[in-house]
Amino acid sequence: FVRAEPLYAGALQTLRTNVAELEGQLAGLSLFSHEAGYPVFYTEHDGLYAYLLARQLLIYSFSYPTPADKPTTRVVVSALHRPEDLARLANAVRAFAALVGR
């Protein structure tokens, strides 16, 4: 653990790169609320979850704070995502946005 600092630094840089990549690929869409540089992309369009799941893309969507509440739907980027993962996601999100006019 003590010698893992370079691994953490590398993973943080990869995460930053991945977030910037997805931000660029989703630029111009009004589908998400997003803070620049933060790895979470929130949407009020809960139908995105089912749309992506049907295309074998899994994002977060769960009711919070209780099961009776409206679902919270969001995309969370990690350092483990590959560029092709992000491109596939962005293409599917753009197709969904075109369907809902966003």
C-alpha atoms as a PDB file:
ATOM      1  CA  PHE A   1       0.000   0.000   0.000  1.00  0.00           C
ATOM      2  CA  VAL A   2       2.797   2.399   0.902  1.00  0.00           C
ATOM      3  CA  ARG A   3       4.424   1.934  -2.513  1.00  0.00           C
ATOM      4  CA  ALA A   4       1.168   2.251  -4.461  1.00  0.00           C
ATOM      5  CA  GLU A   5       1.223   6.046  -4.782  1.00  0.00           C
ATOM      6  CA  PRO A   6       2.300   5.915  -8.460  1.00  0.00           C
ATOM      7  CA  LEU A   7      -0.613   3.547  -9.174  1.00  0.00           C
ATOM      8  CA  TYR A   8      -3.084   5.930  -7.547  1.00  0.00           C
ATOM      9  CA  ALA A   9      -1.613   8.900  -9.410  1.00  0.00           C
ATOM     10  CA  GLY A  10      -1.849   7.009 -12.712  1.00  0.00           C
ATOM     11  CA  ALA A  11      -5.437   5.961 -12.048  1.00  0.00           C
ATOM     12  CA  LEU A  12      -6.386   9.536 -11.146  1.00  0.00           C
ATOM     13  CA  GLN A  13      -4.896  10.804 -14.400  1.00  0.00           C
ATOM     14  CA  THR A  14      -6.753   8.103 -16.355  1.00  0.00           C
ATOM     15  CA  LEU A  15      -9.991   9.075 -14.611  1.00  0.00           C
ATOM     16  CA  ARG A  16      -9.466  12.737 -15.479  1.00  0.00           C
ATOM     17  CA  THR A  17      -8.753  11.810 -19.088  1.00  0.00           C
ATOM     18  CA  ASN A  18     -11.874   9.623 -19.248  1.00  0.00           C
ATOM     19  CA  VAL A  19     -14.099  12.345 -17.795  1.00  0.00           C
ATOM     20  CA  ALA A  20     -12.735  14.918 -20.242  1.00  0.00           C
ATOM     21  CA  GLU A  21     -13.236  12.476 -23.116  1.00  0.00           C
ATOM     22  CA  LEU A  22     -16.876  11.826 -22.241  1.00  0.00           C
ATOM     23  CA  GLU A  23     -17.489  15.541 -21.645  1.00  0.00           C
ATOM     24  CA  GLY A  24     -16.225  16.181 -25.160  1.00  0.00           C
ATOM     25  CA  GLN A  25     -18.298  13.401 -26.699  1.00  0.00           C
ATOM     26  CA  LEU A  26     -21.478  14.602 -24.981  1.00  0.00           C
ATOM     27  CA  ALA A  27     -20.886  18.310 -25.632  1.00  0.00           C
ATOM     28  CA  GLY A  28     -23.943  20.076 -26.964  1.00  0.00           C
ATOM     29  CA  LEU A  29     -26.468  17.731 -25.342  1.00  0.00           C
ATOM     30  CA  SER A  30     -28.843  19.148 -22.756  1.00  0.00           C
ATOM     31  CA  LEU A  31     -29.563  15.680 -21.394  1.00  0.00           C
ATOM     32  CA  PHE A  32     -27.221  15.844 -18.382  1.00  0.00           C
ATOM     33  CA  SER A  33     -26.469  18.015 -15.403  1.00  0.00           C
ATOM     34  CA  HIS A  34     -22.738  17.815 -14.930  1.00  0.00           C
ATOM     35  CA  GLU A  35     -19.982  19.629 -13.074  1.00  0.00           C
ATOM     36  CA  ALA A  36     -16.876  19.906 -15.272  1.00  0.00           C
ATOM     37  CA  GLY A  37     -14.204  17.414 -14.258  1.00  0.00           C
ATOM     38  CA  TYR A  38     -16.516  15.454 -11.944  1.00  0.00           C
ATOM     39  CA  PRO A  39     -17.072  11.807 -12.977  1.00  0.00           C
ATOM     40  CA  VAL A  40     -20.876  11.809 -12.561  1.00  0.00           C
ATOM     41  CA  PHE A  41     -23.364  12.785 -15.280  1.00  0.00           C
ATOM     42  CA  TYR A  42     -26.907  13.118 -13.865  1.00  0.00           C
ATOM     43  CA  THR A  43     -30.083  13.059 -15.953  1.00  0.00           C
ATOM     44  CA  GLU A  44     -33.755  13.485 -15.159  1.00  0.00           C
ATOM     45  CA  HIS A  45     -34.568  11.303 -18.180  1.00  0.00           C
ATOM     46  CA  ASP A  46     -34.977   8.013 -16.339  1.00  0.00           C
ATOM     47  CA  GLY A  47     -35.818   6.277 -19.631  1.00  0.00           C
ATOM     48  CA  LEU A  48     -32.107   6.460 -20.456  1.00  0.00           C
ATOM     49  CA  TYR A  49     -31.490   3.576 -18.059  1.00  0.00           C
ATOM     50  CA  ALA A  50     -33.806   1.147 -19.886  1.00  0.00           C
ATOM     51  CA  TYR A  51     -32.638   2.401 -23.293  1.00  0.00           C
ATOM     52  CA  LEU A  52     -28.988   1.728 -22.463  1.00  0.00           C
ATOM     53  CA  LEU A  53     -29.701  -1.536 -20.666  1.00  0.00           C
ATOM     54  CA  ALA A  54     -31.417  -2.844 -23.821  1.00  0.00           C
ATOM     55  CA  ARG A  55     -28.097  -2.122 -25.568  1.00  0.00           C
ATOM     56  CA  GLN A  56     -26.101  -3.919 -22.867  1.00  0.00           C
ATOM     57  CA  LEU A  57     -24.857  -0.708 -21.264  1.00  0.00           C
ATOM     58  CA  LEU A  58     -25.391  -0.514 -17.520  1.00  0.00           C
ATOM     59  CA  ILE A  59     -25.664   2.800 -15.684  1.00  0.00           C
ATOM     60  CA  TYR A  60     -27.012   3.699 -12.266  1.00  0.00           C
ATOM     61  CA  SER A  61     -30.728   4.215 -11.676  1.00  0.00           C
ATOM     62  CA  PHE A  62     -32.258   3.686  -8.266  1.00  0.00           C
ATOM     63  CA  SER A  63     -34.818   5.325  -6.030  1.00  0.00           C
ATOM     64  CA  TYR A  64     -33.362   7.408  -3.246  1.00  0.00           C
ATOM     65  CA  PRO A  65     -33.664   7.909  -0.343  1.00  0.00           C
ATOM     66  CA  THR A  66     -36.568   5.457  -0.187  1.00  0.00           C
ATOM     67  CA  PRO A  67     -37.865   2.907  -2.721  1.00  0.00           C
ATOM     68  CA  ALA A  68     -40.967   5.085  -3.180  1.00  0.00           C
ATOM     69  CA  ASP A  69     -38.941   8.091  -4.385  1.00  0.00           C
ATOM     70  CA  LYS A  70     -38.231   9.017  -8.005  1.00  0.00           C
ATOM     71  CA  PRO A  71     -35.231   7.146  -9.436  1.00  0.00           C
ATOM     72  CA  THR A  72     -31.879   8.871  -9.599  1.00  0.00           C
ATOM     73  CA  THR A  73     -30.353   8.133 -13.010  1.00  0.00           C
ATOM     74  CA  ARG A  74     -26.693   8.837 -13.688  1.00  0.00           C
ATOM     75  CA  VAL A  75     -23.624   7.774 -15.564  1.00  0.00           C
ATOM     76  CA  VAL A  76     -20.507   7.322 -13.433  1.00  0.00           C
ATOM     77  CA  VAL A  77     -17.130   7.267 -15.188  1.00  0.00           C
ATOM     78  CA  SER A  78     -14.193   5.350 -13.724  1.00  0.00           C
ATOM     79  CA  ALA A  79     -10.503   4.917 -14.482  1.00  0.00           C
ATOM     80  CA  LEU A  80     -11.297   1.389 -15.654  1.00  0.00           C
ATOM     81  CA  HIS A  81     -13.338   2.556 -18.624  1.00  0.00           C
ATOM     82  CA  ARG A  82     -11.546   2.266 -21.955  1.00  0.00           C
ATOM     83  CA  PRO A  83     -11.856   4.832 -24.752  1.00  0.00           C
ATOM     84  CA  GLU A  84     -13.989   2.395 -26.760  1.00  0.00           C
ATOM     85  CA  ASP A  85     -16.349   2.000 -23.765  1.00  0.00           C
ATOM     86  CA  LEU A  86     -16.836   5.752 -23.605  1.00  0.00           C
ATOM     87  CA  ALA A  87     -17.346   6.031 -27.363  1.00  0.00           C
ATOM     88  CA  ARG A  88     -19.958   3.256 -27.321  1.00  0.00           C
ATOM     89  CA  LEU A  89     -21.765   4.914 -24.428  1.00  0.00           C
ATOM     90  CA  ALA A  90     -21.643   8.352 -26.044  1.00  0.00           C
ATOM     91  CA  ASN A  91     -23.050   7.008 -29.319  1.00  0.00           C
ATOM     92  CA  ALA A  92     -25.948   5.346 -27.511  1.00  0.00           C
ATOM     93  CA  VAL A  93     -26.613   8.448 -25.386  1.00  0.00           C
ATOM     94  CA  ARG A  94     -26.644  10.636 -28.507  1.00  0.00           C
ATOM     95  CA  ALA A  95     -29.161   8.285 -30.131  1.00  0.00           C
ATOM     96  CA  PHE A  96     -31.371   8.455 -27.026  1.00  0.00           C
ATOM     97  CA  ALA A  97     -31.059  12.248 -26.909  1.00  0.00           C
ATOM     98  CA  ALA A  98     -32.208  12.427 -30.520  1.00  0.00           C
ATOM     99  CA  LEU A  99     -35.289  10.365 -29.604  1.00  0.00           C
ATOM    100  CA  VAL A 100     -36.244  12.628 -26.706  1.00  0.00           C
ATOM    101  CA  GLY A 101     -35.243  15.861 -28.407  1.00  0.00           C
ATOM    102  CA  ARG A 102     -32.371  16.789 -26.101  1.00  0.00           C
END
